[in-house]
Amino acid sequence: MPKNKNILKDQPNLEDKLWQYIEGNLSPEESFELEYEQMDDPFWDDAVEGLKSSIDKKSIVELHGQLKQSIREKTNKVKNKRKQNFVFPGMVAVFMVLLIVVIAFLLIRFFF
């Protein structure tokens, strides 16, 4: 799996198929194809089993939406924090380089 893959982008299509699969709304061919595609996913069987055993689909959908929103908020916080942390060290590095250049210039100018 690529490191930069955004798991939230590909999710809606799989979500719809998962719910259709659980409710039995897929044709046998589509069910087989979906099972075959998800054969290597270690969480697929657990997800299907858990969702089939649950009674209230509405609460699961609400919980899923809350989890997705929470993930988005946390990833946005991390992205913003990285941007903030990058600006200050970058400015310090530029200042240090300029300071070294000025000191070198003064040393060369007055002592050589």
Protein backbone atom coordinates (compact mmCIF):
# COMPACT_ATOMS: atom_id res chain seq x y z
CA MET A 1 0.00 0.00 0.00
CA PRO A 2 1.45 3.40 -0.92
CA LYS A 3 2.32 5.66 1.98
CA ASN A 4 0.47 8.68 0.57
CA LYS A 5 -2.79 6.88 -0.13
CA ASN A 6 -5.76 8.79 1.21
CA ILE A 7 -8.00 6.15 2.73
CA LEU A 8 -10.98 8.48 2.90
CA LYS A 9 -11.15 9.07 -0.86
CA ASP A 10 -11.76 5.45 -1.87
CA GLN A 11 -14.10 4.68 0.99
CA PRO A 12 -17.62 5.69 -0.24
CA ASN A 13 -17.76 3.18 -3.12
CA LEU A 14 -16.62 0.37 -0.83
CA GLU A 15 -19.05 1.48 1.87
CA ASP A 16 -21.99 1.29 -0.52
CA LYS A 17 -20.95 -2.14 -1.75
CA LEU A 18 -20.43 -3.34 1.82
CA TRP A 19 -23.93 -2.29 2.85
CA GLN A 20 -25.44 -3.79 -0.31
CA TYR A 21 -23.53 -7.01 0.38
CA ILE A 22 -24.74 -7.18 3.99
CA GLU A 23 -28.34 -6.44 3.03
CA GLY A 24 -28.18 -9.03 0.24
CA ASN A 25 -28.85 -6.52 -2.55
CA LEU A 26 -25.94 -7.65 -4.73
CA SER A 27 -26.27 -10.30 -7.40
CA PRO A 28 -24.38 -13.54 -6.78
CA GLU A 29 -21.75 -12.52 -9.35
CA GLU A 30 -21.23 -9.11 -7.70
CA SER A 31 -21.06 -10.74 -4.26
CA PHE A 32 -18.44 -13.20 -5.47
CA GLU A 33 -16.44 -10.41 -7.13
CA LEU A 34 -16.54 -8.30 -3.97
CA GLU A 35 -15.49 -11.24 -1.79
CA TYR A 36 -12.66 -12.02 -4.21
CA GLU A 37 -11.44 -8.40 -4.19
CA GLN A 38 -11.48 -8.27 -0.39
CA MET A 39 -9.95 -11.71 0.14
CA ASP A 40 -6.58 -10.23 1.22
CA ASP A 41 -8.11 -7.64 3.54
CA PRO A 42 -7.80 -8.96 7.12
CA PHE A 43 -10.57 -6.66 8.38
CA TRP A 44 -13.19 -7.54 5.76
CA ASP A 45 -14.49 -10.68 7.48
CA ASP A 46 -14.64 -8.93 10.85
CA ALA A 47 -16.47 -5.95 9.36
CA VAL A 48 -19.04 -8.12 7.61
CA GLU A 49 -19.59 -10.31 10.66
CA GLY A 50 -19.92 -7.32 12.99
CA LEU A 51 -22.28 -5.42 10.73
CA LYS A 52 -24.46 -8.47 10.08
CA SER A 53 -24.81 -9.10 13.81
CA SER A 54 -25.69 -5.49 14.61
CA ILE A 55 -29.31 -4.48 14.67
CA ASP A 56 -29.34 -0.72 14.24
CA LYS A 57 -27.90 0.36 10.89
CA LYS A 58 -28.65 4.03 11.53
CA SER A 59 -26.49 4.19 14.67
CA ILE A 60 -23.64 2.45 12.85
CA VAL A 61 -23.83 4.93 9.98
CA GLU A 62 -23.84 7.84 12.46
CA LEU A 63 -20.88 6.39 14.33
CA HIS A 64 -19.01 5.86 11.08
CA GLY A 65 -19.62 9.47 10.07
CA GLN A 66 -18.39 10.68 13.45
CA LEU A 67 -15.25 8.58 13.15
CA LYS A 68 -14.51 9.89 9.65
CA GLN A 69 -15.00 13.47 10.86
CA SER A 70 -12.72 12.86 13.83
CA ILE A 71 -10.03 11.43 11.55
CA ARG A 72 -10.28 14.43 9.23
CA GLU A 73 -9.99 16.87 12.13
CA LYS A 74 -6.99 15.09 13.63
CA THR A 75 -5.16 14.84 10.30
CA ASN A 76 -5.83 18.53 9.62
CA LYS A 77 -4.43 19.42 13.05
CA VAL A 78 -1.29 17.39 12.34
CA LYS A 79 -0.88 19.01 8.90
CA ASN A 80 -1.30 22.50 10.36
CA LYS A 81 1.11 21.74 13.18
CA ARG A 82 3.73 20.50 10.72
CA LYS A 83 3.38 23.71 8.72
CA GLN A 84 3.78 25.84 11.86
CA ASN A 85 6.77 23.85 13.07
CA PHE A 86 8.47 24.11 9.69
CA VAL A 87 8.27 27.91 9.47
CA PHE A 88 10.15 28.72 12.66
CA PRO A 89 13.15 26.37 12.15
CA GLY A 90 13.36 27.54 8.55
CA MET A 91 13.54 31.15 9.62
CA VAL A 92 16.21 30.33 12.21
CA ALA A 93 18.28 28.51 9.59
CA VAL A 94 18.08 31.44 7.15
CA PHE A 95 19.03 33.87 9.91
CA MET A 96 22.03 31.73 10.91
CA VAL A 97 23.27 31.51 7.32
CA LEU A 98 22.96 35.26 6.89
CA LEU A 99 24.75 35.84 10.18
CA ILE A 100 27.62 33.58 9.12
CA VAL A 101 27.87 35.38 5.76
CA VAL A 102 27.99 38.80 7.45
CA ILE A 103 30.62 37.66 9.97
CA ALA A 104 32.71 36.09 7.19
CA PHE A 105 32.46 39.30 5.17
CA LEU A 106 33.54 41.42 8.14
CA LEU A 107 36.44 39.10 8.96
CA ILE A 108 37.68 39.12 5.38
CA ARG A 109 37.21 42.87 5.02
CA PHE A 110 39.03 43.94 8.19
CA PHE A 111 41.62 41.22 8.81
CA PHE A 112 42.84 40.24 5.35
